[in-house]
Amino acid sequence: MKPLVQLLAFFVVLEVLAARSPGQEGPPVPRAPQGGYSFGFGAGNVSEQWTYGNQVDSVHLYFEASRAIGEYAEIFGRLGWSNSVINEGLYVPLSATASDLSPNAFTPLLGAGIRSELFTHGSWTIGGTVSAVFHSEFTEYVSEYTNVYHRTWIHSISEYNATLTAITPIRDALFYFGPTVHFAYLDGVTEQFEVQPDQTNISRRIVTIRDKGSIAGVAGVQMPIHEVPVIAEIRIGDSISGGISIFYPW
């Protein structure tokens, strides 16, 4: 089997087995060589139970570039797309029901972070990663009756992760595991339009959805496949998740 086909097959199998992912952090060691850079690609599905009971699902596709800072740390940035669904995130007052909130399409995302080794003892290393992701605004329309509809404008979606992991090498692979904490903030405005023959009544309310620190465990492996570094990661929280990425250092 050709190397590219093997990488694609590995990617597909992992995504099928780990159909949910909060976004991969990877081992907290520089992917870029000292004084150098790295460039890669990652993909995954996101499924998180946020603090007030909202189930948030999202598909992420992103490119990542990093720059080494000294020997033990690096900064990185991400640019890509996401398609999110906030399950029952929009309350429809007239019918007393909840509707899913989603852009129904891929929208841009922008992320950044830092990963670093903190200290080493024997073959074990402790390190940490801190990252943030910002999603694009979107508008959702919901029709309730022929003369009543809702327009929701979500103007701010941001997520923050902090992960502390232990790392150990086994042959050519790096295995890592540890706790991670996730924060998220979503803000918007819902407008209700009631169209009458002689006028249109408009009412507004604030939409606020939060995740105030959900804690989970992560574990993963970084290993070369035909000299291409591949990172596979799972997360165990309110659901079992997974993600995968590849990168090229230079």
C-alpha atoms as a PDB file:
ATOM      1  CA  MET A   1       0.000   0.000   0.000  1.00  0.00           C
ATOM      2  CA  LYS A   2       1.374   3.411  -0.929  1.00  0.00           C
ATOM      3  CA  PRO A   3       2.301   5.787   1.944  1.00  0.00           C
ATOM      4  CA  LEU A   4      -0.385   8.355   1.070  1.00  0.00           C
ATOM      5  CA  VAL A   5      -3.076   5.688   0.918  1.00  0.00           C
ATOM      6  CA  GLN A   6      -1.962   4.334   4.304  1.00  0.00           C
ATOM      7  CA  LEU A   7      -2.162   7.786   5.865  1.00  0.00           C
ATOM      8  CA  LEU A   8      -5.627   8.389   4.431  1.00  0.00           C
ATOM      9  CA  ALA A   9      -6.844   4.982   5.603  1.00  0.00           C
ATOM     10  CA  PHE A  10      -5.458   5.601   9.101  1.00  0.00           C
ATOM     11  CA  PHE A  11      -7.204   8.976   9.194  1.00  0.00           C
ATOM     12  CA  VAL A  12     -10.575   7.553   8.104  1.00  0.00           C
ATOM     13  CA  VAL A  13     -10.464   4.661  10.575  1.00  0.00           C
ATOM     14  CA  LEU A  14      -9.675   6.939  13.516  1.00  0.00           C
ATOM     15  CA  GLU A  15     -12.425   9.399  12.615  1.00  0.00           C
ATOM     16  CA  VAL A  16     -14.978   6.583  12.370  1.00  0.00           C
ATOM     17  CA  LEU A  17     -13.944   5.033  15.683  1.00  0.00           C
ATOM     18  CA  ALA A  18     -13.708   8.380  17.524  1.00  0.00           C
ATOM     19  CA  ALA A  19     -16.631  10.258  16.103  1.00  0.00           C
ATOM     20  CA  ARG A  20     -16.384  13.074  18.638  1.00  0.00           C
ATOM     21  CA  SER A  21     -13.491  15.334  19.509  1.00  0.00           C
ATOM     22  CA  PRO A  22     -13.041  18.603  21.402  1.00  0.00           C
ATOM     23  CA  GLY A  23     -10.128  19.612  19.214  1.00  0.00           C
ATOM     24  CA  GLN A  24      -6.693  18.034  19.376  1.00  0.00           C
ATOM     25  CA  GLU A  25      -3.890  19.469  21.493  1.00  0.00           C
ATOM     26  CA  GLY A  26      -1.180  16.865  20.895  1.00  0.00           C
ATOM     27  CA  PRO A  27       1.870  16.262  23.101  1.00  0.00           C
ATOM     28  CA  PRO A  28       3.267  19.472  24.665  1.00  0.00           C
ATOM     29  CA  VAL A  29       6.604  19.264  22.885  1.00  0.00           C
ATOM     30  CA  PRO A  30       7.729  21.447  19.969  1.00  0.00           C
ATOM     31  CA  ARG A  31       6.818  20.113  16.536  1.00  0.00           C
ATOM     32  CA  ALA A  32       9.213  22.612  14.995  1.00  0.00           C
ATOM     33  CA  PRO A  33      12.977  22.072  15.353  1.00  0.00           C
ATOM     34  CA  GLN A  34      14.904  24.618  17.398  1.00  0.00           C
ATOM     35  CA  GLY A  35      14.900  27.872  15.454  1.00  0.00           C
ATOM     36  CA  GLY A  36      12.565  26.349  12.855  1.00  0.00           C
ATOM     37  CA  TYR A  37       8.948  25.941  11.847  1.00  0.00           C
ATOM     38  CA  SER A  38       6.303  23.291  11.271  1.00  0.00           C
ATOM     39  CA  PHE A  39       3.186  23.119   9.136  1.00  0.00           C
ATOM     40  CA  GLY A  40       0.355  20.615   9.359  1.00  0.00           C
ATOM     41  CA  PHE A  41      -3.297  19.737   9.001  1.00  0.00           C
ATOM     42  CA  GLY A  42      -5.859  18.451  11.514  1.00  0.00           C
ATOM     43  CA  ALA A  43      -9.482  17.337  11.503  1.00  0.00           C
ATOM     44  CA  GLY A  44     -12.059  16.105  13.947  1.00  0.00           C
ATOM     45  CA  ASN A  45     -15.579  16.262  15.310  1.00  0.00           C
ATOM     46  CA  VAL A  46     -16.408  18.127  18.502  1.00  0.00           C
ATOM     47  CA  SER A  47     -19.061  17.054  21.008  1.00  0.00           C
ATOM     48  CA  GLU A  48     -19.223  18.763  24.413  1.00  0.00           C
ATOM     49  CA  GLN A  49     -21.796  19.041  27.182  1.00  0.00           C
ATOM     50  CA  TRP A  50     -21.477  22.673  28.249  1.00  0.00           C
ATOM     51  CA  THR A  51     -22.123  23.906  31.783  1.00  0.00           C
ATOM     52  CA  TYR A  52     -25.844  24.665  31.496  1.00  0.00           C
ATOM     53  CA  GLY A  53     -26.815  21.488  29.651  1.00  0.00           C
ATOM     54  CA  ASN A  54     -26.320  22.492  26.013  1.00  0.00           C
ATOM     55  CA  GLN A  55     -24.854  19.751  23.836  1.00  0.00           C
ATOM     56  CA  VAL A  56     -22.548  21.426  21.304  1.00  0.00           C
ATOM     57  CA  ASP A  57     -21.385  19.450  18.254  1.00  0.00           C
ATOM     58  CA  SER A  58     -18.940  20.741  15.685  1.00  0.00           C
ATOM     59  CA  VAL A  59     -16.733  19.577  12.816  1.00  0.00           C
ATOM     60  CA  HIS A  60     -13.284  21.180  12.649  1.00  0.00           C
ATOM     61  CA  LEU A  61     -10.868  21.268   9.712  1.00  0.00           C
ATOM     62  CA  TYR A  62      -7.742  23.382  10.138  1.00  0.00           C
ATOM     63  CA  PHE A  63      -4.184  24.104   9.091  1.00  0.00           C
ATOM     64  CA  GLU A  64      -1.604  24.698  11.805  1.00  0.00           C
ATOM     65  CA  ALA A  65       1.750  26.481  11.668  1.00  0.00           C
ATOM     66  CA  SER A  66       4.212  26.731  14.551  1.00  0.00           C
ATOM     67  CA  ARG A  67       7.453  28.504  15.432  1.00  0.00           C
ATOM     68  CA  ALA A  68       9.900  27.135  17.987  1.00  0.00           C
ATOM     69  CA  ILE A  69      10.791  29.300  20.987  1.00  0.00           C
ATOM     70  CA  GLY A  70      14.128  28.054  22.230  1.00  0.00           C
ATOM     71  CA  GLU A  71      14.520  24.313  22.727  1.00  0.00           C
ATOM     72  CA  TYR A  72      11.459  23.372  24.758  1.00  0.00           C
ATOM     73  CA  ALA A  73       8.497  25.484  23.605  1.00  0.00           C
ATOM     74  CA  GLU A  74       6.681  26.799  20.564  1.00  0.00           C
ATOM     75  CA  ILE A  75       3.806  29.062  19.616  1.00  0.00           C
ATOM     76  CA  PHE A  76       1.264  27.935  17.046  1.00  0.00           C
ATOM     77  CA  GLY A  77      -1.625  29.306  15.038  1.00  0.00           C
ATOM     78  CA  ARG A  78      -4.579  27.626  13.379  1.00  0.00           C
ATOM     79  CA  LEU A  79      -6.715  28.674  10.433  1.00  0.00           C
ATOM     80  CA  GLY A  80      -9.615  26.598   9.182  1.00  0.00           C
ATOM     81  CA  TRP A  81     -13.342  25.971   9.179  1.00  0.00           C
ATOM     82  CA  SER A  82     -15.985  24.667  11.553  1.00  0.00           C
ATOM     83  CA  ASN A  83     -19.635  23.700  11.320  1.00  0.00           C
ATOM     84  CA  SER A  84     -21.311  23.865  14.725  1.00  0.00           C
ATOM     85  CA  VAL A  85     -24.679  22.813  16.144  1.00  0.00           C
ATOM     86  CA  ILE A  86     -25.838  24.029  19.565  1.00  0.00           C
ATOM     87  CA  ASN A  87     -28.504  21.432  20.291  1.00  0.00           C
ATOM     88  CA  GLU A  88     -31.704  23.047  21.599  1.00  0.00           C
ATOM     89  CA  GLY A  89     -29.787  26.304  21.907  1.00  0.00           C
ATOM     90  CA  LEU A  90     -32.621  28.549  20.729  1.00  0.00           C
ATOM     91  CA  TYR A  91     -35.811  28.798  22.798  1.00  0.00           C
ATOM     92  CA  VAL A  92     -38.949  29.597  20.758  1.00  0.00           C
ATOM     93  CA  PRO A  93     -41.377  31.231  23.223  1.00  0.00           C
ATOM     94  CA  LEU A  94     -44.718  31.081  21.385  1.00  0.00           C
ATOM     95  CA  SER A  95     -44.596  27.324  20.880  1.00  0.00           C
ATOM     96  CA  ALA A  96     -42.556  26.750  24.096  1.00  0.00           C
ATOM     97  CA  THR A  97     -40.015  24.602  22.227  1.00  0.00           C
ATOM     98  CA  ALA A  98     -36.255  24.621  21.738  1.00  0.00           C
ATOM     99  CA  SER A  99     -34.617  24.645  18.326  1.00  0.00           C
ATOM    100  CA  ASP A 100     -31.066  23.730  17.302  1.00  0.00           C
ATOM    101  CA  LEU A 101     -28.802  26.701  16.618  1.00  0.00           C
ATOM    102  CA  SER A 102     -26.437  26.288  13.665  1.00  0.00           C
ATOM    103  CA  PRO A 103     -24.961  28.164  10.673  1.00  0.00           C
ATOM    104  CA  ASN A 104     -25.764  25.058   8.544  1.00  0.00           C
ATOM    105  CA  ALA A 105     -22.470  25.533   6.719  1.00  0.00           C
ATOM    106  CA  PHE A 106     -18.741  25.682   7.327  1.00  0.00           C
ATOM    107  CA  THR A 107     -17.567  29.033   8.680  1.00  0.00           C
ATOM    108  CA  PRO A 108     -13.979  30.265   9.299  1.00  0.00           C
ATOM    109  CA  LEU A 109     -12.151  29.685  12.567  1.00  0.00           C
ATOM    110  CA  LEU A 110      -8.957  31.189  13.932  1.00  0.00           C
ATOM    111  CA  GLY A 111      -6.875  29.747  16.768  1.00  0.00           C
ATOM    112  CA  ALA A 112      -3.589  30.239  18.595  1.00  0.00           C
ATOM    113  CA  GLY A 113      -1.699  28.765  21.499  1.00  0.00           C
ATOM    114  CA  ILE A 114       1.543  27.739  23.126  1.00  0.00           C
ATOM    115  CA  ARG A 115       2.889  24.310  24.051  1.00  0.00           C
ATOM    116  CA  SER A 116       5.934  23.688  26.199  1.00  0.00           C
ATOM    117  CA  GLU A 117       7.882  21.098  28.117  1.00  0.00           C
ATOM    118  CA  LEU A 118       7.980  22.051  31.819  1.00  0.00           C
ATOM    119  CA  PHE A 119      10.367  19.581  33.450  1.00  0.00           C
ATOM    120  CA  THR A 120      11.896  16.152  32.853  1.00  0.00           C
ATOM    121  CA  HIS A 121      12.697  13.259  35.173  1.00  0.00           C
ATOM    122  CA  GLY A 122      14.323  10.206  33.655  1.00  0.00           C
ATOM    123  CA  SER A 123      12.366   9.170  30.564  1.00  0.00           C
ATOM    124  CA  TRP A 124       9.277  11.145  31.628  1.00  0.00           C
ATOM    125  CA  THR A 125       8.466  14.744  30.721  1.00  0.00           C
ATOM    126  CA  ILE A 126       5.672  16.952  32.042  1.00  0.00           C
ATOM    127  CA  GLY A 127       4.376  19.647  29.714  1.00  0.00           C
ATOM    128  CA  GLY A 128       1.421  21.896  29.080  1.00  0.00           C
ATOM    129  CA  THR A 129      -0.611  23.390  26.253  1.00  0.00           C
ATOM    130  CA  VAL A 130      -2.845  26.461  26.346  1.00  0.00           C
ATOM    131  CA  SER A 131      -4.936  27.355  23.296  1.00  0.00           C
ATOM    132  CA  ALA A 132      -7.860  29.466  22.128  1.00  0.00           C
ATOM    133  CA  VAL A 133     -10.194  29.137  19.131  1.00  0.00           C
ATOM    134  CA  PHE A 134     -12.467  31.857  17.763  1.00  0.00           C
ATOM    135  CA  HIS A 135     -15.371  30.969  15.465  1.00  0.00           C
ATOM    136  CA  SER A 136     -17.096  33.221  12.938  1.00  0.00           C
ATOM    137  CA  GLU A 137     -20.442  34.829  13.602  1.00  0.00           C
ATOM    138  CA  PHE A 138     -23.570  33.399  11.966  1.00  0.00           C
ATOM    139  CA  THR A 139     -27.316  34.024  11.655  1.00  0.00           C
ATOM    140  CA  GLU A 140     -30.077  31.449  12.148  1.00  0.00           C
ATOM    141  CA  TYR A 141     -33.684  31.835  10.984  1.00  0.00           C
ATOM    142  CA  VAL A 142     -36.596  29.894  12.514  1.00  0.00           C
ATOM    143  CA  SER A 143     -40.173  30.192  11.239  1.00  0.00           C
ATOM    144  CA  GLU A 144     -42.795  29.567  13.917  1.00  0.00           C
ATOM    145  CA  TYR A 145     -45.995  30.506  12.127  1.00  0.00           C
ATOM    146  CA  THR A 146     -46.725  32.024   8.739  1.00  0.00           C
ATOM    147  CA  ASN A 147     -46.522  35.514  10.235  1.00  0.00           C
ATOM    148  CA  VAL A 148     -43.947  34.909  13.008  1.00  0.00           C
ATOM    149  CA  TYR A 149     -40.269  34.121  12.631  1.00  0.00           C
ATOM    150  CA  HIS A 150     -37.057  34.439  14.633  1.00  0.00           C
ATOM    151  CA  ARG A 151     -33.665  35.721  13.572  1.00  0.00           C
ATOM    152  CA  THR A 152     -30.735  34.882  15.835  1.00  0.00           C
ATOM    153  CA  TRP A 153     -27.379  36.557  15.310  1.00  0.00           C
ATOM    154  CA  ILE A 154     -24.497  34.831  17.101  1.00  0.00           C
ATOM    155  CA  HIS A 155     -21.719  37.416  17.112  1.00  0.00           C
ATOM    156  CA  SER A 156     -19.160  35.812  19.429  1.00  0.00           C
ATOM    157  CA  ILE A 157     -18.035  32.192  19.871  1.00  0.00           C
ATOM    158  CA  SER A 158     -14.756  31.490  21.649  1.00  0.00           C
ATOM    159  CA  GLU A 159     -13.246  28.363  23.223  1.00  0.00           C
ATOM    160  CA  TYR A 160     -10.251  27.953  25.544  1.00  0.00           C
ATOM    161  CA  ASN A 161      -8.347  24.806  26.518  1.00  0.00           C
ATOM    162  CA  ALA A 162      -5.605  24.151  29.070  1.00  0.00           C
ATOM    163  CA  THR A 163      -3.960  20.719  29.173  1.00  0.00           C
ATOM    164  CA  LEU A 164      -1.263  19.249  31.424  1.00  0.00           C
ATOM    165  CA  THR A 165       0.251  15.970  30.249  1.00  0.00           C
ATOM    166  CA  ALA A 166       2.946  13.437  31.034  1.00  0.00           C
ATOM    167  CA  ILE A 167       4.994  12.186  28.072  1.00  0.00           C
ATOM    168  CA  THR A 168       7.217   9.140  27.644  1.00  0.00           C
ATOM    169  CA  PRO A 169       8.964   7.753  24.539  1.00  0.00           C
ATOM    170  CA  ILE A 170       8.534   4.124  23.484  1.00  0.00           C
ATOM    171  CA  ARG A 171      10.700   3.266  20.492  1.00  0.00           C
ATOM    172  CA  ASP A 172       9.887   5.849  17.797  1.00  0.00           C
ATOM    173  CA  ALA A 173       6.638   7.004  19.421  1.00  0.00           C
ATOM    174  CA  LEU A 174       5.748   9.559  22.072  1.00  0.00           C
ATOM    175  CA  PHE A 175       2.889   8.533  24.363  1.00  0.00           C
ATOM    176  CA  TYR A 176       1.140  11.140  26.476  1.00  0.00           C
ATOM    177  CA  PHE A 177      -1.806  11.479  28.865  1.00  0.00           C
ATOM    178  CA  GLY A 178      -3.242  13.927  31.381  1.00  0.00           C
ATOM    179  CA  PRO A 179      -6.152  16.206  32.354  1.00  0.00           C
ATOM    180  CA  THR A 180      -7.624  19.014  30.260  1.00  0.00           C
ATOM    181  CA  VAL A 181     -10.073  21.805  31.070  1.00  0.00           C
ATOM    182  CA  HIS A 182     -12.354  23.538  28.559  1.00  0.00           C
ATOM    183  CA  PHE A 183     -14.055  26.956  28.703  1.00  0.00           C
ATOM    184  CA  ALA A 184     -16.389  28.388  26.070  1.00  0.00           C
ATOM    185  CA  TYR A 185     -18.443  31.545  25.574  1.00  0.00           C
ATOM    186  CA  LEU A 186     -21.231  32.171  23.058  1.00  0.00           C
ATOM    187  CA  ASP A 187     -23.129  35.465  22.840  1.00  0.00           C
ATOM    188  CA  GLY A 188     -25.845  36.674  20.504  1.00  0.00           C
ATOM    189  CA  VAL A 189     -29.230  38.327  20.054  1.00  0.00           C
ATOM    190  CA  THR A 190     -32.576  36.797  19.062  1.00  0.00           C
ATOM    191  CA  GLU A 191     -35.174  38.965  17.341  1.00  0.00           C
ATOM    192  CA  GLN A 192     -38.811  37.844  17.023  1.00  0.00           C
ATOM    193  CA  PHE A 193     -40.778  39.347  14.138  1.00  0.00           C
ATOM    194  CA  GLU A 194     -44.588  39.204  14.162  1.00  0.00           C
ATOM    195  CA  VAL A 195     -45.954  40.531  10.904  1.00  0.00           C
ATOM    196  CA  GLN A 196     -49.457  42.079  11.065  1.00  0.00           C
ATOM    197  CA  PRO A 197     -51.420  43.681   8.222  1.00  0.00           C
ATOM    198  CA  ASP A 198     -50.689  47.178   9.484  1.00  0.00           C
ATOM    199  CA  GLN A 199     -47.426  46.749  11.426  1.00  0.00           C
ATOM    200  CA  THR A 200     -44.524  44.466  12.383  1.00  0.00           C
ATOM    201  CA  ASN A 201     -43.849  43.833  16.069  1.00  0.00           C
ATOM    202  CA  ILE A 202     -40.232  43.167  16.997  1.00  0.00           C
ATOM    203  CA  SER A 203     -38.961  41.846  20.329  1.00  0.00           C
ATOM    204  CA  ARG A 204     -35.364  41.081  21.269  1.00  0.00           C
ATOM    205  CA  ARG A 205     -33.575  38.997  23.880  1.00  0.00           C
ATOM    206  CA  ILE A 206     -29.936  38.178  24.653  1.00  0.00           C
ATOM    207  CA  VAL A 207     -28.566  34.698  23.906  1.00  0.00           C
ATOM    208  CA  THR A 208     -25.817  33.564  26.288  1.00  0.00           C
ATOM    209  CA  ILE A 209     -24.399  30.010  26.404  1.00  0.00           C
ATOM    210  CA  ARG A 210     -21.388  29.080  28.533  1.00  0.00           C
ATOM    211  CA  ASP A 211     -19.030  26.242  29.418  1.00  0.00           C
ATOM    212  CA  LYS A 212     -17.401  27.195  32.712  1.00  0.00           C
ATOM    213  CA  GLY A 213     -14.683  24.592  32.952  1.00  0.00           C
ATOM    214  CA  SER A 214     -15.530  21.030  31.930  1.00  0.00           C
ATOM    215  CA  ILE A 215     -12.728  18.611  32.880  1.00  0.00           C
ATOM    216  CA  ALA A 216     -11.720  15.497  30.948  1.00  0.00           C
ATOM    217  CA  GLY A 217      -8.730  13.250  30.340  1.00  0.00           C
ATOM    218  CA  VAL A 218      -6.676  13.019  27.154  1.00  0.00           C
ATOM    219  CA  ALA A 219      -4.284  10.373  25.861  1.00  0.00           C
ATOM    220  CA  GLY A 220      -2.498  10.045  22.572  1.00  0.00           C
ATOM    221  CA  VAL A 221       0.504   9.033  20.566  1.00  0.00           C
ATOM    222  CA  GLN A 222       2.815  10.831  18.154  1.00  0.00           C
ATOM    223  CA  MET A 223       4.657   8.547  15.757  1.00  0.00           C
ATOM    224  CA  PRO A 224       6.140   8.608  12.256  1.00  0.00           C
ATOM    225  CA  ILE A 225       4.332   6.825   9.440  1.00  0.00           C
ATOM    226  CA  HIS A 226       6.613   6.657   6.417  1.00  0.00           C
ATOM    227  CA  GLU A 227       8.631   9.501   7.947  1.00  0.00           C
ATOM    228  CA  VAL A 228       5.543  11.713   8.295  1.00  0.00           C
ATOM    229  CA  PRO A 229       4.769  12.596  11.957  1.00  0.00           C
ATOM    230  CA  VAL A 230       1.182  11.645  12.827  1.00  0.00           C
ATOM    231  CA  ILE A 231      -0.648  12.479  16.076  1.00  0.00           C
ATOM    232  CA  ALA A 232      -3.681  10.460  17.189  1.00  0.00           C
ATOM    233  CA  GLU A 233      -5.531  11.489  20.338  1.00  0.00           C
ATOM    234  CA  ILE A 234      -8.550  10.397  22.357  1.00  0.00           C
ATOM    235  CA  ARG A 235     -10.437  12.290  25.052  1.00  0.00           C
ATOM    236  CA  ILE A 236     -12.594  10.800  27.783  1.00  0.00           C
ATOM    237  CA  GLY A 237     -15.108  13.178  29.315  1.00  0.00           C
ATOM    238  CA  ASP A 238     -18.878  13.159  28.961  1.00  0.00           C
ATOM    239  CA  SER A 239     -18.180  11.321  25.695  1.00  0.00           C
ATOM    240  CA  ILE A 240     -15.253   9.406  24.180  1.00  0.00           C
ATOM    241  CA  SER A 241     -13.618  11.580  21.546  1.00  0.00           C
ATOM    242  CA  GLY A 242     -10.763  11.497  19.089  1.00  0.00           C
ATOM    243  CA  GLY A 243      -8.744  13.540  16.636  1.00  0.00           C
ATOM    244  CA  ILE A 244      -5.840  13.225  14.235  1.00  0.00           C
ATOM    245  CA  SER A 245      -3.275  15.505  12.625  1.00  0.00           C
ATOM    246  CA  ILE A 246      -0.098  15.368  10.580  1.00  0.00           C
ATOM    247  CA  PHE A 247       2.731  17.896  10.403  1.00  0.00           C
ATOM    248  CA  TYR A 248       6.002  18.604   8.618  1.00  0.00           C
ATOM    249  CA  PRO A 249       8.900  20.209  10.529  1.00  0.00           C
ATOM    250  CA  TRP A 250      11.604  22.213   8.797  1.00  0.00           C
END
